Amino acid sequence: MILCQDIKIGTCIDLEGQLYFCIDFLHVKPGKGNTFVRTKLKNVVNGRVLERTFQIGFKLNDVRVERRPYQYLYKDDMGYVLMNQETFEQITLNGDVITGVEYLKEGMEIEVVTNATTGDVLFGELPIKVVLQVTYTEPGLKGDTATNTLKPAKLETGTEVRVPLFINEGEFVEIDTRDGSYVGRVKA
């Protein structure tokens, strides 16, 4: 149990039988009345964001979570097979519990979050930025760096993203896994 004033970003709590991560909090001291904490909580299972206000002194059930590095090995009909980097134990996860799964390639390292008390896997997270090779795009023309125009490009994972006109086939680009946006070109 923790008090609501002790909640911080990244804290995992059990609220009404479901697990939530705190993504934002604010301590509010109004001119009149009692102090309270305004929070934004993200559901671990479905990703919905819930705004909740707690009076100071309200007790919450905190959940201890562990983050461990896993390496993606391959995908089969059961799901994505991952190997623990420390114990070499293998687990299989469904694609819907891995954030940014469309940018996942073999050998890539992802972080798997588990409930420390029950051992249940909550979700897997790719790094925020990944480097992938462009396998197909229309050829760029010389001098196309002046505008912010984007064109479609297919990555080595099979995902299509929008890149600037000067990006050519075979180049490496950095992609933000949260929204699929182009970050920059990477020299190989």
N, C-alpha and C. Protein backbone atom coordinates (compact mmCIF):
# COMPACT_ATOMS: atom_id res chain seq x y z
N MET A 1 0.84 -1.19 0.00
CA MET A 1 0.00 0.00 0.00
C MET A 1 0.88 1.24 0.00
N ILE A 2 0.50 2.20 -0.83
CA ILE A 2 1.16 3.49 -0.83
C ILE A 2 0.11 4.58 -0.70
N LEU A 3 0.51 5.72 -0.25
CA LEU A 3 -0.38 6.86 -0.18
C LEU A 3 -0.38 7.54 -1.54
N CYS A 4 -1.50 8.17 -1.90
CA CYS A 4 -1.61 8.76 -3.23
C CYS A 4 -0.60 9.88 -3.44
N GLN A 5 -0.15 10.57 -2.38
CA GLN A 5 0.83 11.63 -2.56
C GLN A 5 2.22 11.08 -2.87
N ASP A 6 2.43 9.76 -2.71
CA ASP A 6 3.71 9.13 -3.03
C ASP A 6 3.77 8.60 -4.45
N ILE A 7 2.68 8.72 -5.21
CA ILE A 7 2.65 8.20 -6.58
C ILE A 7 3.54 9.05 -7.47
N LYS A 8 4.23 8.39 -8.38
CA LYS A 8 5.14 9.06 -9.32
C LYS A 8 4.91 8.48 -10.71
N ILE A 9 5.47 9.11 -11.71
CA ILE A 9 5.36 8.61 -13.08
C ILE A 9 6.06 7.25 -13.15
N GLY A 10 5.36 6.25 -13.70
CA GLY A 10 5.90 4.91 -13.82
C GLY A 10 5.45 3.98 -12.71
N THR A 11 4.80 4.52 -11.67
CA THR A 11 4.30 3.68 -10.59
C THR A 11 3.14 2.84 -11.11
N CYS A 12 3.14 1.55 -10.78
CA CYS A 12 2.06 0.65 -11.18
C CYS A 12 1.16 0.42 -9.98
N ILE A 13 -0.16 0.62 -10.18
CA ILE A 13 -1.11 0.42 -9.09
C ILE A 13 -2.24 -0.50 -9.54
N ASP A 14 -2.85 -1.14 -8.55
CA ASP A 14 -4.03 -1.98 -8.77
C ASP A 14 -5.24 -1.17 -8.34
N LEU A 15 -6.07 -0.79 -9.31
CA LEU A 15 -7.24 0.03 -9.04
C LEU A 15 -8.47 -0.69 -9.57
N GLU A 16 -9.37 -1.04 -8.68
CA GLU A 16 -10.62 -1.72 -9.04
C GLU A 16 -10.35 -3.02 -9.81
N GLY A 17 -9.32 -3.74 -9.42
CA GLY A 17 -9.02 -5.03 -10.02
C GLY A 17 -8.25 -4.99 -11.31
N GLN A 18 -7.87 -3.79 -11.79
CA GLN A 18 -7.09 -3.68 -13.02
C GLN A 18 -5.80 -2.94 -12.73
N LEU A 19 -4.77 -3.26 -13.54
CA LEU A 19 -3.46 -2.64 -13.34
C LEU A 19 -3.33 -1.39 -14.19
N TYR A 20 -2.78 -0.33 -13.59
CA TYR A 20 -2.58 0.95 -14.26
C TYR A 20 -1.18 1.46 -13.97
N PHE A 21 -0.58 2.10 -14.98
CA PHE A 21 0.68 2.82 -14.81
C PHE A 21 0.38 4.30 -14.75
N CYS A 22 1.01 5.01 -13.84
CA CYS A 22 0.86 6.45 -13.74
C CYS A 22 1.69 7.09 -14.85
N ILE A 23 1.04 7.89 -15.71
CA ILE A 23 1.77 8.57 -16.77
C ILE A 23 1.89 10.06 -16.50
N ASP A 24 1.10 10.58 -15.55
CA ASP A 24 1.19 11.99 -15.18
C ASP A 24 0.51 12.20 -13.83
N PHE A 25 1.03 13.11 -13.04
CA PHE A 25 0.40 13.44 -11.77
C PHE A 25 0.66 14.90 -11.44
N LEU A 26 -0.24 15.48 -10.61
CA LEU A 26 -0.11 16.87 -10.22
C LEU A 26 -0.67 17.03 -8.82
N HIS A 27 0.13 17.58 -7.91
CA HIS A 27 -0.34 17.89 -6.56
C HIS A 27 -0.99 19.27 -6.63
N VAL A 28 -2.25 19.37 -6.19
CA VAL A 28 -2.99 20.63 -6.27
C VAL A 28 -3.32 21.11 -4.87
N LYS A 29 -2.96 22.36 -4.57
CA LYS A 29 -3.29 23.00 -3.30
C LYS A 29 -4.22 24.16 -3.60
N PRO A 30 -5.52 23.93 -3.55
CA PRO A 30 -6.44 25.04 -3.82
C PRO A 30 -6.41 26.05 -2.67
N GLY A 31 -6.85 27.26 -2.94
CA GLY A 31 -6.88 28.29 -1.91
C GLY A 31 -7.78 27.91 -0.75
N LYS A 32 -8.85 27.25 -1.06
CA LYS A 32 -9.81 26.80 -0.05
C LYS A 32 -9.96 25.29 -0.18
N GLY A 33 -10.01 24.60 0.90
CA GLY A 33 -10.23 23.16 0.83
C GLY A 33 -8.96 22.36 1.00
N ASN A 34 -9.11 21.05 0.84
CA ASN A 34 -8.00 20.13 1.06
C ASN A 34 -7.15 19.94 -0.20
N THR A 35 -5.90 19.57 0.02
CA THR A 35 -4.99 19.25 -1.08
C THR A 35 -5.39 17.92 -1.70
N PHE A 36 -5.22 17.81 -3.03
CA PHE A 36 -5.53 16.55 -3.71
C PHE A 36 -4.50 16.30 -4.80
N VAL A 37 -4.51 15.08 -5.33
CA VAL A 37 -3.59 14.67 -6.39
C VAL A 37 -4.41 14.31 -7.63
N ARG A 38 -4.11 14.96 -8.73
CA ARG A 38 -4.77 14.69 -10.01
C ARG A 38 -3.83 13.80 -10.82
N THR A 39 -4.29 12.63 -11.27
CA THR A 39 -3.43 11.68 -11.97
C THR A 39 -4.01 11.30 -13.33
N LYS A 40 -3.12 10.86 -14.21
CA LYS A 40 -3.49 10.21 -15.46
C LYS A 40 -2.92 8.81 -15.38
N LEU A 41 -3.79 7.82 -15.50
CA LEU A 41 -3.40 6.42 -15.37
C LEU A 41 -3.66 5.69 -16.69
N LYS A 42 -2.69 4.88 -17.13
CA LYS A 42 -2.83 4.12 -18.37
C LYS A 42 -3.06 2.66 -18.04
N ASN A 43 -4.14 2.09 -18.56
CA ASN A 43 -4.46 0.69 -18.34
C ASN A 43 -3.43 -0.19 -19.03
N VAL A 44 -2.91 -1.17 -18.30
CA VAL A 44 -1.87 -2.06 -18.83
C VAL A 44 -2.43 -2.93 -19.95
N VAL A 45 -3.67 -3.40 -19.82
CA VAL A 45 -4.23 -4.35 -20.77
C VAL A 45 -4.67 -3.69 -22.07
N ASN A 46 -5.53 -2.66 -21.99
CA ASN A 46 -6.09 -2.08 -23.21
C ASN A 46 -5.50 -0.73 -23.60
N GLY A 47 -4.65 -0.13 -22.75
CA GLY A 47 -3.99 1.11 -23.11
C GLY A 47 -4.83 2.37 -22.93
N ARG A 48 -6.04 2.24 -22.42
CA ARG A 48 -6.88 3.42 -22.22
C ARG A 48 -6.33 4.29 -21.09
N VAL A 49 -6.49 5.59 -21.25
CA VAL A 49 -6.01 6.53 -20.24
C VAL A 49 -7.20 7.00 -19.41
N LEU A 50 -7.02 6.95 -18.10
CA LEU A 50 -8.05 7.30 -17.14
C LEU A 50 -7.55 8.46 -16.28
N GLU A 51 -8.36 9.49 -16.12
CA GLU A 51 -8.00 10.60 -15.24
C GLU A 51 -8.71 10.38 -13.91
N ARG A 52 -7.94 10.43 -12.83
CA ARG A 52 -8.50 10.15 -11.51
C ARG A 52 -7.95 11.16 -10.53
N THR A 53 -8.79 11.63 -9.62
CA THR A 53 -8.39 12.56 -8.57
C THR A 53 -8.51 11.86 -7.22
N PHE A 54 -7.47 11.99 -6.38
CA PHE A 54 -7.45 11.37 -5.06
C PHE A 54 -7.21 12.44 -4.00
N GLN A 55 -7.91 12.32 -2.88
CA GLN A 55 -7.66 13.20 -1.74
C GLN A 55 -6.36 12.75 -1.07
N ILE A 56 -5.62 13.69 -0.50
CA ILE A 56 -4.37 13.37 0.19
C ILE A 56 -4.68 12.39 1.32
N GLY A 57 -3.85 11.34 1.41
CA GLY A 57 -4.04 10.32 2.43
C GLY A 57 -4.75 9.07 1.93
N PHE A 58 -5.28 9.11 0.69
CA PHE A 58 -5.96 7.95 0.12
C PHE A 58 -4.93 6.86 -0.13
N LYS A 59 -5.23 5.63 0.27
CA LYS A 59 -4.29 4.51 0.11
C LYS A 59 -4.57 3.76 -1.19
N LEU A 60 -3.48 3.42 -1.91
CA LEU A 60 -3.56 2.69 -3.18
C LEU A 60 -2.75 1.41 -3.06
N ASN A 61 -3.18 0.39 -3.78
CA ASN A 61 -2.43 -0.87 -3.84
C ASN A 61 -1.38 -0.75 -4.93
N ASP A 62 -0.11 -0.71 -4.54
CA ASP A 62 0.94 -0.65 -5.54
C ASP A 62 1.34 -2.06 -5.95
N VAL A 63 1.80 -2.18 -7.19
CA VAL A 63 2.20 -3.46 -7.75
C VAL A 63 3.67 -3.34 -8.13
N ARG A 64 4.48 -4.27 -7.67
CA ARG A 64 5.90 -4.26 -7.99
C ARG A 64 6.09 -4.90 -9.36
N VAL A 65 6.73 -4.17 -10.26
CA VAL A 65 6.97 -4.68 -11.61
C VAL A 65 8.47 -4.76 -11.86
N GLU A 66 8.84 -5.68 -12.73
CA GLU A 66 10.24 -5.85 -13.12
C GLU A 66 10.36 -5.65 -14.62
N ARG A 67 11.41 -4.96 -15.03
CA ARG A 67 11.71 -4.74 -16.45
C ARG A 67 12.98 -5.50 -16.78
N ARG A 68 12.89 -6.39 -17.75
CA ARG A 68 14.03 -7.21 -18.12
C ARG A 68 14.26 -7.14 -19.63
N PRO A 69 15.53 -7.17 -20.06
CA PRO A 69 15.81 -7.17 -21.50
C PRO A 69 15.60 -8.57 -22.09
N TYR A 70 14.89 -8.63 -23.19
CA TYR A 70 14.68 -9.87 -23.93
C TYR A 70 15.10 -9.63 -25.38
N GLN A 71 15.54 -10.70 -26.03
CA GLN A 71 15.90 -10.63 -27.44
C GLN A 71 14.84 -11.33 -28.26
N TYR A 72 14.39 -10.67 -29.34
CA TYR A 72 13.40 -11.27 -30.23
C TYR A 72 14.10 -12.29 -31.12
N LEU A 73 13.61 -13.55 -31.09
CA LEU A 73 14.21 -14.62 -31.88
C LEU A 73 13.49 -14.84 -33.20
N TYR A 74 12.19 -15.16 -33.14
CA TYR A 74 11.42 -15.43 -34.35
C TYR A 74 9.93 -15.38 -34.02
N LYS A 75 9.12 -15.42 -35.09
CA LYS A 75 7.67 -15.44 -34.93
C LYS A 75 7.15 -16.75 -35.49
N ASP A 76 6.26 -17.41 -34.72
CA ASP A 76 5.61 -18.61 -35.22
C ASP A 76 4.11 -18.44 -35.04
N ASP A 77 3.34 -19.52 -35.24
CA ASP A 77 1.89 -19.42 -35.15
C ASP A 77 1.39 -19.18 -33.73
N MET A 78 2.22 -19.38 -32.72
CA MET A 78 1.84 -19.12 -31.33
C MET A 78 2.06 -17.66 -30.94
N GLY A 79 2.96 -16.96 -31.62
CA GLY A 79 3.26 -15.57 -31.32
C GLY A 79 4.73 -15.27 -31.52
N TYR A 80 5.21 -14.27 -30.80
CA TYR A 80 6.59 -13.81 -30.90
C TYR A 80 7.43 -14.49 -29.81
N VAL A 81 8.48 -15.18 -30.21
CA VAL A 81 9.32 -15.90 -29.27
C VAL A 81 10.48 -14.99 -28.86
N LEU A 82 10.61 -14.79 -27.53
CA LEU A 82 11.63 -13.91 -26.96
C LEU A 82 12.50 -14.71 -26.00
N MET A 83 13.79 -14.30 -25.89
CA MET A 83 14.69 -14.98 -24.99
C MET A 83 15.22 -13.98 -23.95
N ASN A 84 15.15 -14.38 -22.68
CA ASN A 84 15.67 -13.56 -21.59
C ASN A 84 17.18 -13.47 -21.75
N GLN A 85 17.72 -12.25 -21.69
CA GLN A 85 19.15 -12.02 -21.89
C GLN A 85 19.99 -12.52 -20.72
N GLU A 86 19.39 -12.70 -19.54
CA GLU A 86 20.14 -13.11 -18.37
C GLU A 86 20.07 -14.62 -18.13
N THR A 87 18.86 -15.20 -18.25
CA THR A 87 18.67 -16.62 -17.91
C THR A 87 18.54 -17.52 -19.15
N PHE A 88 18.43 -16.94 -20.32
CA PHE A 88 18.26 -17.64 -21.60
C PHE A 88 16.95 -18.43 -21.66
N GLU A 89 16.00 -18.12 -20.80
CA GLU A 89 14.68 -18.74 -20.84
C GLU A 89 13.88 -18.08 -21.96
N GLN A 90 13.05 -18.87 -22.65
CA GLN A 90 12.27 -18.35 -23.77
C GLN A 90 10.80 -18.24 -23.39
N ILE A 91 10.17 -17.15 -23.84
CA ILE A 91 8.73 -16.94 -23.65
C ILE A 91 8.11 -16.58 -24.99
N THR A 92 6.80 -16.76 -25.09
CA THR A 92 6.06 -16.40 -26.30
C THR A 92 5.02 -15.35 -25.93
N LEU A 93 5.00 -14.25 -26.69
CA LEU A 93 4.04 -13.17 -26.45
C LEU A 93 3.19 -12.95 -27.69
N ASN A 94 1.94 -12.56 -27.48
CA ASN A 94 1.07 -12.16 -28.59
C ASN A 94 1.51 -10.78 -29.06
N GLY A 95 1.26 -10.48 -30.31
CA GLY A 95 1.64 -9.19 -30.86
C GLY A 95 0.90 -8.01 -30.27
N ASP A 96 -0.31 -8.26 -29.73
CA ASP A 96 -1.09 -7.15 -29.19
C ASP A 96 -0.57 -6.63 -27.85
N VAL A 97 0.34 -7.34 -27.18
CA VAL A 97 0.89 -6.86 -25.92
C VAL A 97 2.29 -6.26 -26.11
N ILE A 98 2.76 -6.19 -27.36
CA ILE A 98 4.06 -5.58 -27.64
C ILE A 98 3.81 -4.24 -28.33
N THR A 99 4.28 -3.16 -27.70
CA THR A 99 4.10 -1.85 -28.31
C THR A 99 5.11 -1.66 -29.44
N GLY A 100 4.64 -1.20 -30.59
CA GLY A 100 5.51 -0.99 -31.74
C GLY A 100 5.93 -2.27 -32.42
N VAL A 101 5.09 -3.31 -32.36
CA VAL A 101 5.46 -4.63 -32.88
C VAL A 101 5.74 -4.61 -34.39
N GLU A 102 5.17 -3.68 -35.11
CA GLU A 102 5.39 -3.63 -36.56
C GLU A 102 6.81 -3.22 -36.93
N TYR A 103 7.59 -2.72 -35.97
CA TYR A 103 8.98 -2.33 -36.22
C TYR A 103 9.97 -3.33 -35.63
N LEU A 104 9.49 -4.49 -35.21
CA LEU A 104 10.31 -5.51 -34.57
C LEU A 104 10.99 -6.38 -35.63
N LYS A 105 12.32 -6.52 -35.53
CA LYS A 105 13.04 -7.42 -36.44
C LYS A 105 13.87 -8.39 -35.62
N GLU A 106 14.24 -9.50 -36.22
CA GLU A 106 14.97 -10.55 -35.51
C GLU A 106 16.27 -10.03 -34.93
N GLY A 107 16.54 -10.45 -33.68
CA GLY A 107 17.76 -10.04 -33.01
C GLY A 107 17.62 -8.76 -32.22
N MET A 108 16.51 -8.05 -32.38
CA MET A 108 16.31 -6.78 -31.69
C MET A 108 16.02 -7.02 -30.21
N GLU A 109 16.46 -6.12 -29.37
CA GLU A 109 16.23 -6.24 -27.93
C GLU A 109 15.00 -5.43 -27.54
N ILE A 110 14.09 -6.04 -26.76
CA ILE A 110 12.93 -5.33 -26.26
C ILE A 110 12.90 -5.50 -24.74
N GLU A 111 12.15 -4.62 -24.09
CA GLU A 111 12.03 -4.68 -22.64
C GLU A 111 10.68 -5.30 -22.29
N VAL A 112 10.71 -6.37 -21.49
CA VAL A 112 9.48 -7.04 -21.09
C VAL A 112 9.19 -6.69 -19.63
N VAL A 113 7.96 -6.23 -19.38
CA VAL A 113 7.54 -5.82 -18.04
C VAL A 113 6.68 -6.93 -17.45
N THR A 114 7.06 -7.42 -16.26
CA THR A 114 6.31 -8.49 -15.60
C THR A 114 5.90 -8.06 -14.20
N ASN A 115 4.79 -8.64 -13.74
CA ASN A 115 4.33 -8.44 -12.37
C ASN A 115 5.24 -9.30 -11.48
N ALA A 116 5.95 -8.66 -10.55
CA ALA A 116 6.95 -9.36 -9.76
C ALA A 116 6.33 -10.35 -8.77
N THR A 117 5.11 -10.11 -8.32
CA THR A 117 4.50 -11.00 -7.33
C THR A 117 3.91 -12.24 -7.97
N THR A 118 3.27 -12.11 -9.14
CA THR A 118 2.64 -13.26 -9.78
C THR A 118 3.49 -13.85 -10.90
N GLY A 119 4.42 -13.07 -11.44
CA GLY A 119 5.25 -13.55 -12.55
C GLY A 119 4.58 -13.41 -13.90
N ASP A 120 3.39 -12.81 -13.96
CA ASP A 120 2.67 -12.63 -15.23
C ASP A 120 3.34 -11.55 -16.07
N VAL A 121 3.42 -11.80 -17.38
CA VAL A 121 3.96 -10.81 -18.30
C VAL A 121 2.87 -9.79 -18.58
N LEU A 122 3.18 -8.50 -18.37
CA LEU A 122 2.21 -7.45 -18.60
C LEU A 122 2.26 -6.96 -20.04
N PHE A 123 3.45 -6.58 -20.52
CA PHE A 123 3.60 -6.12 -21.90
C PHE A 123 5.07 -6.07 -22.26
N GLY A 124 5.34 -5.88 -23.55
CA GLY A 124 6.69 -5.70 -24.06
C GLY A 124 6.81 -4.35 -24.74
N GLU A 125 7.96 -3.71 -24.60
CA GLU A 125 8.17 -2.38 -25.17
C GLU A 125 9.41 -2.37 -26.04
N LEU A 126 9.27 -1.88 -27.26
CA LEU A 126 10.43 -1.64 -28.10
C LEU A 126 11.10 -0.36 -27.66
N PRO A 127 12.37 -0.16 -27.99
CA PRO A 127 12.99 1.14 -27.72
C PRO A 127 12.21 2.24 -28.45
N ILE A 128 12.29 3.46 -27.98
CA ILE A 128 11.53 4.55 -28.59
C ILE A 128 11.97 4.78 -30.03
N LYS A 129 13.28 4.65 -30.30
CA LYS A 129 13.79 4.85 -31.65
C LYS A 129 14.52 3.60 -32.11
N VAL A 130 14.21 3.16 -33.34
CA VAL A 130 14.88 2.01 -33.93
C VAL A 130 15.43 2.39 -35.31
N VAL A 131 16.50 1.71 -35.72
CA VAL A 131 17.10 1.95 -37.02
C VAL A 131 16.74 0.78 -37.93
N LEU A 132 16.13 1.09 -39.07
CA LEU A 132 15.71 0.07 -40.02
C LEU A 132 16.13 0.47 -41.43
N GLN A 133 16.28 -0.53 -42.30
CA GLN A 133 16.70 -0.28 -43.68
C GLN A 133 15.48 -0.11 -44.57
N VAL A 134 15.56 0.81 -45.51
CA VAL A 134 14.50 1.03 -46.50
C VAL A 134 14.69 0.00 -47.61
N THR A 135 13.67 -0.85 -47.84
CA THR A 135 13.78 -1.87 -48.88
C THR A 135 13.19 -1.41 -50.21
N TYR A 136 12.19 -0.51 -50.15
CA TYR A 136 11.63 0.01 -51.40
C TYR A 136 11.09 1.41 -51.20
N THR A 137 11.44 2.28 -52.11
CA THR A 137 10.86 3.62 -52.19
C THR A 137 11.15 4.16 -53.58
N GLU A 138 10.39 5.14 -53.99
CA GLU A 138 10.63 5.79 -55.29
C GLU A 138 11.98 6.51 -55.20
N PRO A 139 12.73 6.54 -56.29
CA PRO A 139 14.05 7.20 -56.23
C PRO A 139 13.92 8.69 -55.95
N GLY A 140 14.87 9.20 -55.16
CA GLY A 140 14.89 10.63 -54.86
C GLY A 140 15.65 11.39 -55.93
N LEU A 141 15.31 12.65 -56.06
CA LEU A 141 15.97 13.50 -57.04
C LEU A 141 16.92 14.45 -56.34
N LYS A 142 17.95 14.88 -57.06
CA LYS A 142 18.92 15.80 -56.48
C LYS A 142 18.22 17.14 -56.20
N GLY A 143 18.45 17.69 -55.02
CA GLY A 143 17.84 18.97 -54.68
C GLY A 143 16.51 18.84 -53.97
N ASP A 144 16.10 17.63 -53.60
CA ASP A 144 14.82 17.43 -52.93
C ASP A 144 14.88 17.66 -51.42
N THR A 145 15.94 18.28 -50.94
CA THR A 145 16.06 18.49 -49.49
C THR A 145 15.44 19.80 -49.02
N ALA A 146 15.00 20.64 -49.94
CA ALA A 146 14.52 21.97 -49.56
C ALA A 146 13.12 21.95 -48.97
N THR A 147 12.28 21.00 -49.35
CA THR A 147 10.90 20.98 -48.87
C THR A 147 10.69 19.90 -47.82
N ASN A 148 9.58 19.99 -47.13
CA ASN A 148 9.24 19.00 -46.10
C ASN A 148 8.27 17.96 -46.64
N THR A 149 8.30 17.71 -47.94
CA THR A 149 7.41 16.75 -48.55
C THR A 149 7.87 15.33 -48.22
N LEU A 150 6.90 14.45 -47.96
CA LEU A 150 7.20 13.07 -47.60
C LEU A 150 6.67 12.11 -48.66
N LYS A 151 7.31 10.94 -48.75
CA LYS A 151 6.88 9.90 -49.69
C LYS A 151 6.82 8.58 -48.94
N PRO A 152 6.05 7.61 -49.43
CA PRO A 152 5.99 6.31 -48.74
C PRO A 152 7.26 5.50 -48.99
N ALA A 153 7.66 4.73 -47.96
CA ALA A 153 8.82 3.86 -48.07
C ALA A 153 8.53 2.58 -47.29
N LYS A 154 8.93 1.45 -47.86
CA LYS A 154 8.74 0.16 -47.20
C LYS A 154 10.03 -0.19 -46.47
N LEU A 155 9.88 -0.60 -45.19
CA LEU A 155 11.03 -0.95 -44.36
C LEU A 155 11.29 -2.45 -44.41
N GLU A 156 12.43 -2.87 -43.86
CA GLU A 156 12.80 -4.29 -43.87
C GLU A 156 11.84 -5.16 -43.07
N THR A 157 11.04 -4.57 -42.18
CA THR A 157 10.06 -5.34 -41.42
C THR A 157 8.74 -5.49 -42.18
N GLY A 158 8.63 -4.82 -43.34
CA GLY A 158 7.41 -4.88 -44.13
C GLY A 158 6.46 -3.73 -43.86
N THR A 159 6.77 -2.89 -42.91
CA THR A 159 5.94 -1.75 -42.56
C THR A 159 6.22 -0.58 -43.49
N GLU A 160 5.17 0.17 -43.81
CA GLU A 160 5.33 1.34 -44.66
C GLU A 160 5.27 2.60 -43.80
N VAL A 161 6.24 3.49 -44.01
CA VAL A 161 6.29 4.77 -43.30
C VAL A 161 6.49 5.89 -44.31
N ARG A 162 6.37 7.12 -43.85
CA ARG A 162 6.58 8.29 -44.70
C ARG A 162 7.96 8.87 -44.40
N VAL A 163 8.76 9.05 -45.46
CA VAL A 163 10.11 9.57 -45.32
C VAL A 163 10.29 10.76 -46.27
N PRO A 164 11.31 11.61 -46.04
CA PRO A 164 11.57 12.73 -46.96
C PRO A 164 11.94 12.24 -48.36
N LEU A 165 11.83 13.14 -49.34
CA LEU A 165 12.07 12.78 -50.74
C LEU A 165 13.50 12.35 -51.02
N PHE A 166 14.48 12.79 -50.23
CA PHE A 166 15.88 12.47 -50.53
C PHE A 166 16.31 11.09 -50.06
N ILE A 167 15.46 10.35 -49.34
CA ILE A 167 15.80 9.00 -48.88
C ILE A 167 15.68 8.03 -50.06
N ASN A 168 16.71 7.18 -50.23
CA ASN A 168 16.72 6.21 -51.32
C ASN A 168 16.69 4.79 -50.77
N GLU A 169 16.46 3.85 -51.67
CA GLU A 169 16.45 2.43 -51.32
C GLU A 169 17.81 2.02 -50.77
N GLY A 170 17.81 1.17 -49.73
CA GLY A 170 19.05 0.67 -49.15
C GLY A 170 19.59 1.53 -48.02
N GLU A 171 19.05 2.72 -47.82
CA GLU A 171 19.53 3.58 -46.74
C GLU A 171 18.90 3.17 -45.42
N PHE A 172 19.55 3.55 -44.33
CA PHE A 172 19.04 3.27 -42.99
C PHE A 172 18.40 4.53 -42.43
N VAL A 173 17.21 4.35 -41.84
CA VAL A 173 16.49 5.49 -41.26
C VAL A 173 16.13 5.17 -39.81
N GLU A 174 16.04 6.22 -39.01
CA GLU A 174 15.63 6.08 -37.62
C GLU A 174 14.14 6.40 -37.52
N ILE A 175 13.38 5.49 -36.88
CA ILE A 175 11.93 5.61 -36.80
C ILE A 175 11.52 5.66 -35.33
N ASP A 176 10.55 6.51 -35.02
CA ASP A 176 9.96 6.59 -33.68
C ASP A 176 8.89 5.51 -33.59
N THR A 177 9.04 4.53 -32.68
CA THR A 177 8.11 3.40 -32.62
C THR A 177 6.76 3.76 -32.01
N ARG A 178 6.66 4.91 -31.35
CA ARG A 178 5.38 5.29 -30.75
C ARG A 178 4.36 5.70 -31.80
N ASP A 179 4.81 6.43 -32.83
CA ASP A 179 3.86 6.90 -33.85
C ASP A 179 4.29 6.58 -35.28
N GLY A 180 5.43 5.95 -35.46
CA GLY A 180 5.88 5.56 -36.80
C GLY A 180 6.44 6.72 -37.62
N SER A 181 6.84 7.79 -36.97
CA SER A 181 7.33 8.95 -37.71
C SER A 181 8.83 8.83 -37.98
N TYR A 182 9.25 9.47 -39.06
CA TYR A 182 10.65 9.51 -39.47
C TYR A 182 11.40 10.46 -38.53
N VAL A 183 12.56 10.01 -38.01
CA VAL A 183 13.37 10.85 -37.13
C VAL A 183 14.58 11.38 -37.86
N GLY A 184 15.27 10.51 -38.60
CA GLY A 184 16.46 10.96 -39.32
C GLY A 184 17.11 9.84 -40.10
N ARG A 185 18.08 10.23 -40.93
CA ARG A 185 18.84 9.26 -41.71
C ARG A 185 20.06 8.86 -40.90
N VAL A 186 20.42 7.57 -40.99
CA VAL A 186 21.55 7.04 -40.24
C VAL A 186 22.59 6.53 -41.23
N LYS A 187 23.84 6.91 -41.01
CA LYS A 187 24.92 6.41 -41.86
C LYS A 187 25.29 5.00 -41.43
N ALA A 188 25.35 4.08 -42.37
CA ALA A 188 25.64 2.67 -42.05
C ALA A 188 27.09 2.45 -41.76
